[in-house]
């Protein structure tokens, strides 16, 4: 079963540990086993690098950007809610096959 578009949205900020890891980990969604193994190794290295960058970012700018990050999270959350609403309306309007 494929994911709905609203399930593919990542709410966590790109400059957070969780948000960066989830966004990078999306590259491992392949069906070929050999390709998946290679992409998992690449993703692990990329996540490690991203976490170092995020840690430096937090140490330098973290406290100053709290209001901005809260605003952006709200925008991403509203986007996900709008997509869920649109998917629900499409499901209600689509005749059963």
PDB file of N, CA and C in Angstrom:
ATOM      1  N   UNK A   1       0.849  -1.177   0.000  1.00  0.00           N
ATOM      2  CA  UNK A   1       0.000   0.000   0.000  1.00  0.00           C
ATOM      3  C   UNK A   1       0.895   1.240   0.000  1.00  0.00           C
ATOM      4  N   UNK A   2       0.608   2.173  -0.875  1.00  0.00           N
ATOM      5  CA  UNK A   2       1.430   3.374  -0.966  1.00  0.00           C
ATOM      6  C   UNK A   2       0.969   4.415   0.057  1.00  0.00           C
ATOM      7  N   UNK A   3       1.904   5.283   0.404  1.00  0.00           N
ATOM      8  CA  UNK A   3       1.598   6.338   1.369  1.00  0.00           C
ATOM      9  C   UNK A   3       0.802   7.446   0.692  1.00  0.00           C
ATOM     10  N   UNK A   4      -0.044   8.096   1.475  1.00  0.00           N
ATOM     11  CA  UNK A   4      -0.721   9.283   0.988  1.00  0.00           C
ATOM     12  C   UNK A   4       0.268  10.440   0.997  1.00  0.00           C
ATOM     13  N   UNK A   5      -0.014  11.472   0.220  1.00  0.00           N
ATOM     14  CA  UNK A   5       0.905  12.614   0.170  1.00  0.00           C
ATOM     15  C   UNK A   5       1.045  13.275   1.536  1.00  0.00           C
ATOM     16  N   UNK A   6      -0.037  13.288   2.329  1.00  0.00           N
ATOM     17  CA  UNK A   6       0.035  13.919   3.649  1.00  0.00           C
ATOM     18  C   UNK A   6       0.926  13.124   4.595  1.00  0.00           C
ATOM     19  N   UNK A   7       1.097  11.834   4.352  1.00  0.00           N
ATOM     20  CA  UNK A   7       1.953  11.023   5.198  1.00  0.00           C
ATOM     21  C   UNK A   7       3.429  11.196   4.859  1.00  0.00           C
ATOM     22  N   UNK A   8       3.722  11.801   3.731  1.00  0.00           N
ATOM     23  CA  UNK A   8       5.108  12.003   3.318  1.00  0.00           C
ATOM     24  C   UNK A   8       5.690  13.303   3.844  1.00  0.00           C
ATOM     25  N   UNK A   9       4.854  14.157   4.408  1.00  0.00           N
ATOM     26  CA  UNK A   9       5.325  15.451   4.915  1.00  0.00           C
ATOM     27  C   UNK A   9       6.038  15.254   6.243  1.00  0.00           C
ATOM     28  N   UNK A  10       7.193  15.875   6.382  1.00  0.00           N
ATOM     29  CA  UNK A  10       7.960  15.821   7.621  1.00  0.00           C
ATOM     30  C   UNK A  10       7.714  17.122   8.377  1.00  0.00           C
ATOM     31  N   UNK A  11       7.171  17.015   9.596  1.00  0.00           N
ATOM     32  CA  UNK A  11       6.875  18.221  10.376  1.00  0.00           C
ATOM     33  C   UNK A  11       8.115  18.800  11.045  1.00  0.00           C
ATOM     34  N   UNK A  12       9.049  17.965  11.387  1.00  0.00           N
ATOM     35  CA  UNK A  12      10.247  18.447  12.066  1.00  0.00           C
ATOM     36  C   UNK A  12      11.046  19.368  11.155  1.00  0.00           C
ATOM     37  N   UNK A  13      11.664  20.355  11.749  1.00  0.00           N
ATOM     38  CA  UNK A  13      12.440  21.335  10.989  1.00  0.00           C
ATOM     39  C   UNK A  13      13.646  20.675  10.317  1.00  0.00           C
ATOM     40  N   UNK A  14      14.009  21.149   9.125  1.00  0.00           N
ATOM     41  CA  UNK A  14      15.187  20.593   8.451  1.00  0.00           C
ATOM     42  C   UNK A  14      16.468  20.786   9.257  1.00  0.00           C
ATOM     43  N   UNK A  15      16.535  21.817  10.052  1.00  0.00           N
ATOM     44  CA  UNK A  15      17.724  22.062  10.864  1.00  0.00           C
ATOM     45  C   UNK A  15      17.535  21.531  12.286  1.00  0.00           C
ATOM     46  N   UNK A  16      16.823  20.400  12.415  1.00  0.00           N
ATOM     47  CA  UNK A  16      16.737  19.684  13.693  1.00  0.00           C
ATOM     48  C   UNK A  16      17.320  18.298  13.469  1.00  0.00           C
ATOM     49  N   UNK A  17      17.664  17.618  14.542  1.00  0.00           N
ATOM     50  CA  UNK A  17      18.247  16.293  14.403  1.00  0.00           C
ATOM     51  C   UNK A  17      17.261  15.329  13.741  1.00  0.00           C
ATOM     52  N   UNK A  18      16.036  15.305  14.231  1.00  0.00           N
ATOM     53  CA  UNK A  18      15.034  14.396  13.682  1.00  0.00           C
ATOM     54  C   UNK A  18      14.656  14.769  12.255  1.00  0.00           C
ATOM     55  N   UNK A  19      14.408  16.042  12.010  1.00  0.00           N
ATOM     56  CA  UNK A  19      13.996  16.484  10.673  1.00  0.00           C
ATOM     57  C   UNK A  19      15.040  16.205   9.606  1.00  0.00           C
ATOM     58  N   UNK A  20      16.301  16.465   9.925  1.00  0.00           N
ATOM     59  CA  UNK A  20      17.354  16.211   8.941  1.00  0.00           C
ATOM     60  C   UNK A  20      17.500  14.721   8.677  1.00  0.00           C
ATOM     61  N   UNK A  21      17.410  13.906   9.726  1.00  0.00           N
ATOM     62  CA  UNK A  21      17.559  12.457   9.558  1.00  0.00           C
ATOM     63  C   UNK A  21      16.414  11.878   8.725  1.00  0.00           C
ATOM     64  N   UNK A  22      15.187  12.293   9.001  1.00  0.00           N
ATOM     65  CA  UNK A  22      14.046  11.770   8.259  1.00  0.00           C
ATOM     66  C   UNK A  22      14.125  12.161   6.789  1.00  0.00           C
ATOM     67  N   UNK A  23      14.500  13.395   6.516  1.00  0.00           N
ATOM     68  CA  UNK A  23      14.604  13.838   5.124  1.00  0.00           C
ATOM     69  C   UNK A  23      15.702  13.077   4.376  1.00  0.00           C
ATOM     70  N   UNK A  24      16.821  12.848   5.020  1.00  0.00           N
ATOM     71  CA  UNK A  24      17.918  12.116   4.372  1.00  0.00           C
ATOM     72  C   UNK A  24      17.540  10.648   4.212  1.00  0.00           C
ATOM     73  N   UNK A  25      16.872  10.071   5.199  1.00  0.00           N
ATOM     74  CA  UNK A  25      16.545   8.646   5.172  1.00  0.00           C
ATOM     75  C   UNK A  25      15.572   8.302   4.037  1.00  0.00           C
ATOM     76  N   UNK A  26      14.837   9.296   3.524  1.00  0.00           N
ATOM     77  CA  UNK A  26      13.898   9.054   2.427  1.00  0.00           C
ATOM     78  C   UNK A  26      14.589   8.507   1.181  1.00  0.00           C
ATOM     79  N   UNK A  27      15.898   8.749   1.022  1.00  0.00           N
ATOM     80  CA  UNK A  27      16.581   8.260  -0.172  1.00  0.00           C
ATOM     81  C   UNK A  27      16.724   6.744  -0.165  1.00  0.00           C
ATOM     82  N   UNK A  28      16.499   6.086   0.975  1.00  0.00           N
ATOM     83  CA  UNK A  28      16.674   4.636   1.064  1.00  0.00           C
ATOM     84  C   UNK A  28      15.425   3.869   0.647  1.00  0.00           C
ATOM     85  N   UNK A  29      14.381   4.533   0.212  1.00  0.00           N
ATOM     86  CA  UNK A  29      13.135   3.868  -0.196  1.00  0.00           C
ATOM     87  C   UNK A  29      13.245   3.334  -1.620  1.00  0.00           C
ATOM     88  N   UNK A  30      14.043   2.324  -1.805  1.00  0.00           N
ATOM     89  CA  UNK A  30      14.235   1.679  -3.111  1.00  0.00           C
ATOM     90  C   UNK A  30      13.926   0.201  -2.977  1.00  0.00           C
ATOM     91  N   UNK A  31      13.607  -0.449  -4.075  1.00  0.00           N
ATOM     92  CA  UNK A  31      13.239  -1.864  -4.021  1.00  0.00           C
ATOM     93  C   UNK A  31      14.436  -2.798  -4.204  1.00  0.00           C
ATOM     94  N   UNK A  32      15.441  -2.380  -4.918  1.00  0.00           N
ATOM     95  CA  UNK A  32      16.613  -3.219  -5.159  1.00  0.00           C
ATOM     96  C   UNK A  32      17.427  -3.360  -3.870  1.00  0.00           C
ATOM     97  N   UNK A  33      17.762  -4.596  -3.505  1.00  0.00           N
ATOM     98  CA  UNK A  33      18.470  -4.856  -2.248  1.00  0.00           C
ATOM     99  C   UNK A  33      19.878  -4.264  -2.270  1.00  0.00           C
ATOM    100  N   UNK A  34      20.611  -4.480  -3.366  1.00  0.00           N
ATOM    101  CA  UNK A  34      21.982  -3.968  -3.455  1.00  0.00           C
ATOM    102  C   UNK A  34      21.992  -2.438  -3.408  1.00  0.00           C
ATOM    103  N   UNK A  35      21.066  -1.825  -4.130  1.00  0.00           N
ATOM    104  CA  UNK A  35      20.977  -0.358  -4.136  1.00  0.00           C
ATOM    105  C   UNK A  35      20.582   0.157  -2.756  1.00  0.00           C
ATOM    106  N   UNK A  36      19.670  -0.551  -2.095  1.00  0.00           N
ATOM    107  CA  UNK A  36      19.228  -0.126  -0.765  1.00  0.00           C
ATOM    108  C   UNK A  36      20.383  -0.173   0.241  1.00  0.00           C
ATOM    109  N   UNK A  37      21.212  -1.224   0.186  1.00  0.00           N
ATOM    110  CA  UNK A  37      22.361  -1.332   1.083  1.00  0.00           C
ATOM    111  C   UNK A  37      23.324  -0.172   0.860  1.00  0.00           C
ATOM    112  N   UNK A  38      23.607   0.135  -0.385  1.00  0.00           N
ATOM    113  CA  UNK A  38      24.494   1.256  -0.713  1.00  0.00           C
ATOM    114  C   UNK A  38      23.903   2.577  -0.218  1.00  0.00           C
ATOM    115  N   UNK A  39      22.606   2.772  -0.450  1.00  0.00           N
ATOM    116  CA  UNK A  39      21.965   4.026  -0.034  1.00  0.00           C
ATOM    117  C   UNK A  39      21.872   4.152   1.484  1.00  0.00           C
ATOM    118  N   UNK A  40      21.726   3.043   2.195  1.00  0.00           N
ATOM    119  CA  UNK A  40      21.705   3.097   3.667  1.00  0.00           C
ATOM    120  C   UNK A  40      23.061   3.559   4.180  1.00  0.00           C
ATOM    121  N   UNK A  41      24.140   3.037   3.599  1.00  0.00           N
ATOM    122  CA  UNK A  41      25.488   3.471   4.012  1.00  0.00           C
ATOM    123  C   UNK A  41      25.689   4.962   3.740  1.00  0.00           C
ATOM    124  N   UNK A  42      25.275   5.399   2.557  1.00  0.00           N
ATOM    125  CA  UNK A  42      25.393   6.827   2.202  1.00  0.00           C
ATOM    126  C   UNK A  42      24.535   7.679   3.139  1.00  0.00           C
ATOM    127  N   UNK A  43      23.319   7.205   3.428  1.00  0.00           N
ATOM    128  CA  UNK A  43      22.417   7.960   4.302  1.00  0.00           C
ATOM    129  C   UNK A  43      22.985   8.081   5.711  1.00  0.00           C
ATOM    130  N   UNK A  44      23.588   7.014   6.228  1.00  0.00           N
ATOM    131  CA  UNK A  44      24.170   7.080   7.567  1.00  0.00           C
ATOM    132  C   UNK A  44      25.290   8.111   7.649  1.00  0.00           C
ATOM    133  N   UNK A  45      26.132   8.151   6.630  1.00  0.00           N
ATOM    134  CA  UNK A  45      27.210   9.145   6.602  1.00  0.00           C
ATOM    135  C   UNK A  45      26.613  10.553   6.483  1.00  0.00           C
ATOM    136  N   UNK A  46      25.598  10.691   5.634  1.00  0.00           N
ATOM    137  CA  UNK A  46      24.962  12.007   5.450  1.00  0.00           C
ATOM    138  C   UNK A  46      24.275  12.469   6.731  1.00  0.00           C
ATOM    139  N   UNK A  47      23.616  11.544   7.447  1.00  0.00           N
ATOM    140  CA  UNK A  47      22.958  11.907   8.713  1.00  0.00           C
ATOM    141  C   UNK A  47      23.990  12.343   9.739  1.00  0.00           C
ATOM    142  N   UNK A  48      25.091  11.619   9.828  1.00  0.00           N
ATOM    143  CA  UNK A  48      26.158  11.996  10.758  1.00  0.00           C
ATOM    144  C   UNK A  48      26.675  13.405  10.439  1.00  0.00           C
ATOM    145  N   UNK A  49      26.928  13.675   9.162  1.00  0.00           N
ATOM    146  CA  UNK A  49      27.392  15.005   8.751  1.00  0.00           C
ATOM    147  C   UNK A  49      26.331  16.070   9.061  1.00  0.00           C
ATOM    148  N   UNK A  50      25.073  15.766   8.756  1.00  0.00           N
ATOM    149  CA  UNK A  50      23.993  16.729   9.010  1.00  0.00           C
ATOM    150  C   UNK A  50      23.873  17.025  10.498  1.00  0.00           C
ATOM    151  N   UNK A  51      24.033  16.005  11.333  1.00  0.00           N
ATOM    152  CA  UNK A  51      23.923  16.223  12.775  1.00  0.00           C
ATOM    153  C   UNK A  51      25.059  17.095  13.301  1.00  0.00           C
ATOM    154  N   UNK A  52      26.233  16.975  12.727  1.00  0.00           N
ATOM    155  CA  UNK A  52      27.346  17.855  13.126  1.00  0.00           C
ATOM    156  C   UNK A  52      27.008  19.295  12.746  1.00  0.00           C
ATOM    157  N   UNK A  53      26.472  19.479  11.541  1.00  0.00           N
ATOM    158  CA  UNK A  53      26.078  20.823  11.089  1.00  0.00           C
ATOM    159  C   UNK A  53      24.965  21.378  11.968  1.00  0.00           C
ATOM    160  N   UNK A  54      23.971  20.547  12.297  1.00  0.00           N
ATOM    161  CA  UNK A  54      22.860  20.991  13.142  1.00  0.00           C
ATOM    162  C   UNK A  54      23.360  21.364  14.534  1.00  0.00           C
ATOM    163  N   UNK A  55      24.258  20.580  15.084  1.00  0.00           N
ATOM    164  CA  UNK A  55      24.814  20.895  16.399  1.00  0.00           C
ATOM    165  C   UNK A  55      25.525  22.241  16.377  1.00  0.00           C
ATOM    166  N   UNK A  56      26.345  22.481  15.358  1.00  0.00           N
ATOM    167  CA  UNK A  56      27.022  23.784  15.231  1.00  0.00           C
ATOM    168  C   UNK A  56      26.007  24.907  15.073  1.00  0.00           C
ATOM    169  N   UNK A  57      24.969  24.650  14.280  1.00  0.00           N
ATOM    170  CA  UNK A  57      23.904  25.637  14.058  1.00  0.00           C
ATOM    171  C   UNK A  57      23.234  25.994  15.381  1.00  0.00           C
ATOM    172  N   UNK A  58      22.891  24.982  16.184  1.00  0.00           N
ATOM    173  CA  UNK A  58      22.263  25.233  17.476  1.00  0.00           C
ATOM    174  C   UNK A  58      23.169  26.030  18.402  1.00  0.00           C
ATOM    175  N   UNK A  59      24.441  25.692  18.413  1.00  0.00           N
ATOM    176  CA  UNK A  59      25.366  26.385  19.304  1.00  0.00           C
ATOM    177  C   UNK A  59      25.545  27.843  18.911  1.00  0.00           C
ATOM    178  N   UNK A  60      25.451  28.150  17.629  1.00  0.00           N
ATOM    179  CA  UNK A  60      25.667  29.518  17.163  1.00  0.00           C
ATOM    180  C   UNK A  60      24.369  30.333  17.120  1.00  0.00           C
ATOM    181  N   UNK A  61      23.308  29.770  16.472  1.00  0.00           N
ATOM    182  CA  UNK A  61      22.097  30.558  16.216  1.00  0.00           C
ATOM    183  C   UNK A  61      20.843  30.057  16.921  1.00  0.00           C
ATOM    184  N   UNK A  62      20.909  28.939  17.599  1.00  0.00           N
ATOM    185  CA  UNK A  62      19.719  28.260  18.107  1.00  0.00           C
ATOM    186  C   UNK A  62      18.755  29.110  18.896  1.00  0.00           C
ATOM    187  N   UNK A  63      19.225  29.810  19.876  1.00  0.00           N
ATOM    188  CA  UNK A  63      18.345  30.588  20.756  1.00  0.00           C
ATOM    189  C   UNK A  63      17.702  31.761  20.005  1.00  0.00           C
ATOM    190  N   UNK A  64      18.426  32.360  19.090  1.00  0.00           N
ATOM    191  CA  UNK A  64      17.907  33.526  18.366  1.00  0.00           C
ATOM    192  C   UNK A  64      16.766  33.173  17.416  1.00  0.00           C
ATOM    193  N   UNK A  65      16.729  31.933  16.939  1.00  0.00           N
ATOM    194  CA  UNK A  65      15.769  31.562  15.901  1.00  0.00           C
ATOM    195  C   UNK A  65      14.577  30.756  16.407  1.00  0.00           C
ATOM    196  N   UNK A  66      14.353  30.686  17.700  1.00  0.00           N
ATOM    197  CA  UNK A  66      13.220  29.926  18.226  1.00  0.00           C
ATOM    198  C   UNK A  66      11.884  30.443  17.689  1.00  0.00           C
ATOM    199  N   UNK A  67      11.620  31.750  17.681  1.00  0.00           N
ATOM    200  CA  UNK A  67      10.330  32.213  17.142  1.00  0.00           C
ATOM    201  C   UNK A  67      10.149  31.858  15.659  1.00  0.00           C
ATOM    202  N   UNK A  68      11.194  31.979  14.873  1.00  0.00           N
ATOM    203  CA  UNK A  68      11.112  31.642  13.448  1.00  0.00           C
ATOM    204  C   UNK A  68      10.799  30.161  13.262  1.00  0.00           C
ATOM    205  N   UNK A  69      11.466  29.295  14.022  1.00  0.00           N
ATOM    206  CA  UNK A  69      11.252  27.850  13.891  1.00  0.00           C
ATOM    207  C   UNK A  69       9.826  27.468  14.275  1.00  0.00           C
ATOM    208  N   UNK A  70       9.267  28.119  15.291  1.00  0.00           N
ATOM    209  CA  UNK A  70       7.887  27.827  15.678  1.00  0.00           C
ATOM    210  C   UNK A  70       6.912  28.248  14.579  1.00  0.00           C
ATOM    211  N   UNK A  71       7.181  29.373  13.938  1.00  0.00           N
ATOM    212  CA  UNK A  71       6.337  29.836  12.837  1.00  0.00           C
ATOM    213  C   UNK A  71       6.393  28.869  11.665  1.00  0.00           C
ATOM    214  N   UNK A  72       7.587  28.450  11.290  1.00  0.00           N
ATOM    215  CA  UNK A  72       7.738  27.518  10.158  1.00  0.00           C
ATOM    216  C   UNK A  72       7.084  26.177  10.454  1.00  0.00           C
ATOM    217  N   UNK A  73       7.189  25.697  11.693  1.00  0.00           N
ATOM    218  CA  UNK A  73       6.547  24.421  12.039  1.00  0.00           C
ATOM    219  C   UNK A  73       5.042  24.537  11.876  1.00  0.00           C
ATOM    220  N   UNK A  74       4.490  25.659  12.288  1.00  0.00           N
ATOM    221  CA  UNK A  74       3.048  25.881  12.116  1.00  0.00           C
ATOM    222  C   UNK A  74       2.649  25.865  10.650  1.00  0.00           C
ATOM    223  N   UNK A  75       3.481  26.448   9.790  1.00  0.00           N
ATOM    224  CA  UNK A  75       3.188  26.437   8.356  1.00  0.00           C
ATOM    225  C   UNK A  75       3.230  25.022   7.794  1.00  0.00           C
ATOM    226  N   UNK A  76       4.223  24.237   8.202  1.00  0.00           N
ATOM    227  CA  UNK A  76       4.308  22.859   7.709  1.00  0.00           C
ATOM    228  C   UNK A  76       3.132  22.033   8.217  1.00  0.00           C
ATOM    229  N   UNK A  77       2.709  22.286   9.448  1.00  0.00           N
ATOM    230  CA  UNK A  77       1.584  21.546  10.016  1.00  0.00           C
ATOM    231  C   UNK A  77       0.291  21.890   9.274  1.00  0.00           C
ATOM    232  N   UNK A  78       0.082  23.164   8.961  1.00  0.00           N
ATOM    233  CA  UNK A  78      -1.105  23.569   8.204  1.00  0.00           C
ATOM    234  C   UNK A  78      -1.102  22.957   6.805  1.00  0.00           C
ATOM    235  N   UNK A  79       0.075  22.871   6.187  1.00  0.00           N
ATOM    236  CA  UNK A  79       0.181  22.266   4.862  1.00  0.00           C
ATOM    237  C   UNK A  79      -0.249  20.793   4.924  1.00  0.00           C
ATOM    238  N   UNK A  80       0.218  20.073   5.943  1.00  0.00           N
ATOM    239  CA  UNK A  80      -0.153  18.678   6.095  1.00  0.00           C
ATOM    240  C   UNK A  80      -1.657  18.540   6.342  1.00  0.00           C
ATOM    241  N   UNK A  81      -2.223  19.403   7.184  1.00  0.00           N
ATOM    242  CA  UNK A  81      -3.654  19.343   7.470  1.00  0.00           C
ATOM    243  C   UNK A  81      -4.468  19.628   6.213  1.00  0.00           C
ATOM    244  N   UNK A  82      -4.038  20.581   5.397  1.00  0.00           N
ATOM    245  CA  UNK A  82      -4.739  20.885   4.144  1.00  0.00           C
ATOM    246  C   UNK A  82      -4.687  19.703   3.187  1.00  0.00           C
ATOM    247  N   UNK A  83      -3.541  19.038   3.101  1.00  0.00           N
ATOM    248  CA  UNK A  83      -3.440  17.861   2.243  1.00  0.00           C
ATOM    249  C   UNK A  83      -4.344  16.738   2.742  1.00  0.00           C
ATOM    250  N   UNK A  84      -4.392  16.529   4.042  1.00  0.00           N
ATOM    251  CA  UNK A  84      -5.277  15.491   4.597  1.00  0.00           C
ATOM    252  C   UNK A  84      -6.731  15.802   4.287  1.00  0.00           C
ATOM    253  N   UNK A  85      -7.115  17.061   4.421  1.00  0.00           N
ATOM    254  CA  UNK A  85      -8.484  17.466   4.121  1.00  0.00           C
ATOM    255  C   UNK A  85      -8.796  17.216   2.645  1.00  0.00           C
ATOM    256  N   UNK A  86      -7.877  17.590   1.768  1.00  0.00           N
ATOM    257  CA  UNK A  86      -8.070  17.388   0.328  1.00  0.00           C
ATOM    258  C   UNK A  86      -8.186  15.890  -0.002  1.00  0.00           C
ATOM    259  N   UNK A  87      -7.347  15.066   0.629  1.00  0.00           N
ATOM    260  CA  UNK A  87      -7.421  13.620   0.404  1.00  0.00           C
ATOM    261  C   UNK A  87      -8.747  13.050   0.890  1.00  0.00           C
ATOM    262  N   UNK A  88      -9.224  13.529   2.043  1.00  0.00           N
ATOM    263  CA  UNK A  88     -10.501  13.076   2.579  1.00  0.00           C
ATOM    264  C   UNK A  88     -11.643  13.468   1.648  1.00  0.00           C
ATOM    265  N   UNK A  89     -11.630  14.696   1.167  1.00  0.00           N
ATOM    266  CA  UNK A  89     -12.676  15.156   0.253  1.00  0.00           C
ATOM    267  C   UNK A  89     -12.640  14.372  -1.058  1.00  0.00           C
ATOM    268  N   UNK A  90     -11.444  14.070  -1.561  1.00  0.00           N
ATOM    269  CA  UNK A  90     -11.331  13.259  -2.776  1.00  0.00           C
ATOM    270  C   UNK A  90     -11.895  11.866  -2.551  1.00  0.00           C
ATOM    271  N   UNK A  91     -11.627  11.292  -1.371  1.00  0.00           N
ATOM    272  CA  UNK A  91     -12.130   9.947  -1.064  1.00  0.00           C
ATOM    273  C   UNK A  91     -13.640   9.943  -0.944  1.00  0.00           C
ATOM    274  N   UNK A  92     -14.213  11.000  -0.384  1.00  0.00           N
ATOM    275  CA  UNK A  92     -15.667  11.080  -0.228  1.00  0.00           C
ATOM    276  C   UNK A  92     -16.333  11.275  -1.594  1.00  0.00           C
ATOM    277  N   UNK A  93     -15.758  12.088  -2.449  1.00  0.00           N
ATOM    278  CA  UNK A  93     -16.351  12.393  -3.738  1.00  0.00           C
ATOM    279  C   UNK A  93     -16.145  11.312  -4.781  1.00  0.00           C
ATOM    280  N   UNK A  94     -15.084  10.507  -4.616  1.00  0.00           N
ATOM    281  CA  UNK A  94     -14.785   9.457  -5.594  1.00  0.00           C
ATOM    282  C   UNK A  94     -15.764   8.303  -5.419  1.00  0.00           C
ATOM    283  N   UNK A  95     -16.422   7.891  -6.497  1.00  0.00           N
ATOM    284  CA  UNK A  95     -17.349   6.754  -6.371  1.00  0.00           C
ATOM    285  C   UNK A  95     -16.577   5.469  -6.121  1.00  0.00           C
ATOM    286  N   UNK A  96     -17.181   4.569  -5.339  1.00  0.00           N
ATOM    287  CA  UNK A  96     -16.528   3.286  -5.052  1.00  0.00           C
ATOM    288  C   UNK A  96     -16.487   2.441  -6.313  1.00  0.00           C
ATOM    289  N   UNK A  97     -15.345   1.800  -6.518  1.00  0.00           N
ATOM    290  CA  UNK A  97     -15.172   0.997  -7.728  1.00  0.00           C
ATOM    291  C   UNK A  97     -15.238  -0.476  -7.417  1.00  0.00           C
TER     292      UNK A  97
END
